Amino acid sequence: MDFTTTLQISQMIVNELAGSAFVHKMQGQLFKSKGFEKLGQKYMDHYTEEMGWVEKYTDRMLELGCVPEVKVISQATLIEDPKAYLEADLKLQKEGVETLYKSMPALAADPTTYDLTKAYLLDEEKDLYWDEEQLELIEKIGYQNWLVKQL
């Protein structure tokens, strides 16, 4: 069986996810330094979770006899304002979920990677919904009240 498409998609996920995970870690540290302990920890934990997905995709690539390339290509400026960061993160989440949805048909011939990506997609949708919920909460209770909840 030819796993070229599986490997290309897996490599793309590993590269993009490793970069975005590191940004989440740095954002978490920034928020913690500003006193937003809960929000900071959320993103630091998110880093750990995302790196777990990087490991799963790396393991799958190795199972298929491919040594992954390390090409972390993300460049980002940390955003000090939590609401502005949520808005930026939501935009990236939407783009990422859309990319994953588009990748699913190409993975159909490889049930193992398809199932892995399906589980990852579900996880990413939860992250997207969390961003949306936080922005809705800000609208309902006010930004300052929401910030207090992040201390």
Protein backbone atom coordinates (compact mmCIF):
# COMPACT_ATOMS: atom_id res chain seq x y z
CA MET A 1 0.00 0.00 0.00
CA ASP A 2 1.24 3.50 -0.84
CA PHE A 3 1.27 5.75 2.21
CA THR A 4 2.63 8.86 0.46
CA THR A 5 -0.51 10.94 1.12
CA THR A 6 -0.72 9.74 4.72
CA LEU A 7 2.89 10.71 5.32
CA GLN A 8 2.49 14.14 3.70
CA ILE A 9 -0.58 14.94 5.79
CA SER A 10 1.03 13.58 8.97
CA GLN A 11 4.18 15.59 8.35
CA MET A 12 2.12 18.75 7.82
CA ILE A 13 0.24 18.14 11.06
CA VAL A 14 3.45 17.50 13.02
CA ASN A 15 5.09 20.67 11.71
CA GLU A 16 2.11 22.97 12.18
CA LEU A 17 1.08 21.52 15.52
CA ALA A 18 4.55 21.63 17.07
CA GLY A 19 4.80 25.31 16.19
CA SER A 20 1.36 26.24 17.46
CA ALA A 21 1.87 24.18 20.62
CA PHE A 22 4.99 26.18 21.44
CA VAL A 23 3.08 29.43 20.92
CA HIS A 24 0.41 28.19 23.34
CA LYS A 25 3.10 27.45 25.92
CA MET A 26 4.62 30.91 25.56
CA GLN A 27 1.18 32.57 25.70
CA GLY A 28 0.47 30.61 28.86
CA GLN A 29 3.65 31.87 30.45
CA LEU A 30 2.80 35.42 29.42
CA PHE A 31 -0.70 35.22 30.89
CA LYS A 32 0.62 33.72 34.12
CA SER A 33 3.17 36.53 34.41
CA LYS A 34 0.31 39.03 34.20
CA GLY A 35 -1.53 37.30 37.05
CA PHE A 36 -4.02 35.37 34.92
CA GLU A 37 -3.10 32.07 36.52
CA LYS A 38 -6.07 30.02 35.25
CA LEU A 39 -5.84 31.25 31.68
CA GLY A 40 -2.08 30.77 31.68
CA GLN A 41 -2.37 27.23 32.99
CA LYS A 42 -5.04 26.45 30.39
CA TYR A 43 -2.61 27.27 27.59
CA MET A 44 0.35 25.57 29.27
CA ASP A 45 -1.76 22.40 29.60
CA HIS A 46 -2.85 22.85 25.99
CA TYR A 47 0.82 22.77 24.98
CA THR A 48 1.25 19.40 26.70
CA GLU A 49 -1.89 18.03 25.06
CA GLU A 50 -0.84 19.19 21.60
CA MET A 51 2.64 17.74 21.97
CA GLY A 52 0.94 14.42 22.78
CA TRP A 53 -0.68 14.58 19.33
CA VAL A 54 2.71 15.39 17.77
CA GLU A 55 4.06 12.22 19.42
CA LYS A 56 1.15 10.12 18.12
CA TYR A 57 1.65 11.33 14.55
CA THR A 58 5.41 10.88 14.84
CA ASP A 59 4.90 7.33 16.06
CA ARG A 60 2.57 6.63 13.13
CA MET A 61 5.09 7.97 10.64
CA LEU A 62 7.81 5.82 12.19
CA GLU A 63 5.50 2.77 12.03
CA LEU A 64 5.19 3.41 8.29
CA GLY A 65 8.98 3.53 7.92
CA CYS A 66 9.33 7.28 7.57
CA VAL A 67 11.60 9.42 9.69
CA PRO A 68 9.75 12.72 10.19
CA GLU A 69 11.39 15.99 9.19
CA VAL A 70 11.55 18.66 11.86
CA LYS A 71 10.30 21.83 10.21
CA VAL A 72 8.66 24.01 12.78
CA ILE A 73 7.65 26.91 10.61
CA SER A 74 5.36 28.95 12.84
CA GLN A 75 6.26 32.49 13.67
CA ALA A 76 4.08 34.44 16.04
CA THR A 77 4.09 37.52 18.17
CA LEU A 78 2.71 36.97 21.63
CA ILE A 79 -0.48 38.88 22.32
CA GLU A 80 -0.73 40.54 25.72
CA ASP A 81 -4.47 41.17 25.68
CA PRO A 82 -6.32 37.92 26.50
CA LYS A 83 -9.44 38.80 24.47
CA ALA A 84 -7.37 39.72 21.44
CA TYR A 85 -5.52 36.43 21.81
CA LEU A 86 -8.78 34.46 22.00
CA GLU A 87 -9.95 36.14 18.81
CA ALA A 88 -6.68 35.35 17.02
CA ASP A 89 -6.65 31.79 18.33
CA LEU A 90 -10.25 31.25 17.21
CA LYS A 91 -9.33 32.30 13.69
CA LEU A 92 -6.42 29.82 13.65
CA GLN A 93 -8.59 27.07 15.15
CA LYS A 94 -11.20 27.54 12.41
CA GLU A 95 -8.52 27.34 9.72
CA GLY A 96 -6.98 24.25 11.30
CA VAL A 97 -10.29 22.42 11.67
CA GLU A 98 -11.15 23.22 8.06
CA THR A 99 -7.79 21.84 6.90
CA LEU A 100 -8.33 18.66 8.89
CA TYR A 101 -11.81 18.19 7.44
CA LYS A 102 -10.41 18.56 3.94
CA SER A 103 -7.68 15.99 4.71
CA MET A 104 -10.04 13.27 5.89
CA PRO A 105 -11.06 11.87 2.45
CA ALA A 106 -7.39 11.54 1.47
CA LEU A 107 -6.77 9.39 4.56
CA ALA A 108 -9.63 6.97 3.91
CA ALA A 109 -7.29 4.34 2.45
CA ASP A 110 -5.32 4.28 5.73
CA PRO A 111 -7.82 3.46 8.51
CA THR A 112 -5.23 3.79 11.27
CA THR A 113 -4.22 7.35 10.39
CA TYR A 114 -7.83 8.17 9.51
CA ASP A 115 -8.94 7.17 13.04
CA LEU A 116 -6.03 9.09 14.59
CA THR A 117 -6.93 12.19 12.60
CA LYS A 118 -10.62 11.80 13.40
CA ALA A 119 -9.79 11.79 17.13
CA TYR A 120 -7.46 14.77 16.68
CA LEU A 121 -10.14 16.63 14.73
CA LEU A 122 -12.62 16.07 17.56
CA ASP A 123 -10.08 17.47 20.01
CA GLU A 124 -9.48 20.52 17.82
CA GLU A 125 -13.21 21.14 17.51
CA LYS A 126 -13.44 21.17 21.32
CA ASP A 127 -10.68 23.79 21.42
CA LEU A 128 -12.51 25.86 18.81
CA TYR A 129 -15.75 25.66 20.81
CA TRP A 130 -13.89 26.68 23.98
CA ASP A 131 -12.59 29.83 22.27
CA GLU A 132 -16.11 30.63 21.03
CA GLU A 133 -17.59 30.04 24.49
CA GLN A 134 -15.06 32.33 26.15
CA LEU A 135 -15.74 35.14 23.68
CA GLU A 136 -19.49 34.69 24.20
CA LEU A 137 -18.96 34.76 27.96
CA ILE A 138 -17.01 38.00 27.65
CA GLU A 139 -19.97 39.51 25.79
CA LYS A 140 -22.43 38.31 28.43
CA ILE A 141 -20.61 39.15 31.66
CA GLY A 142 -18.22 41.85 30.47
CA TYR A 143 -14.50 41.73 29.84
CA GLN A 144 -13.43 42.81 33.32
CA ASN A 145 -15.62 40.20 34.99
CA TRP A 146 -14.24 37.54 32.66
CA LEU A 147 -10.67 38.62 33.46
CA VAL A 148 -11.37 38.23 37.18
CA LYS A 149 -12.38 34.63 36.51
CA GLN A 150 -8.95 34.04 34.94
CA LEU A 151 -6.98 35.05 38.05
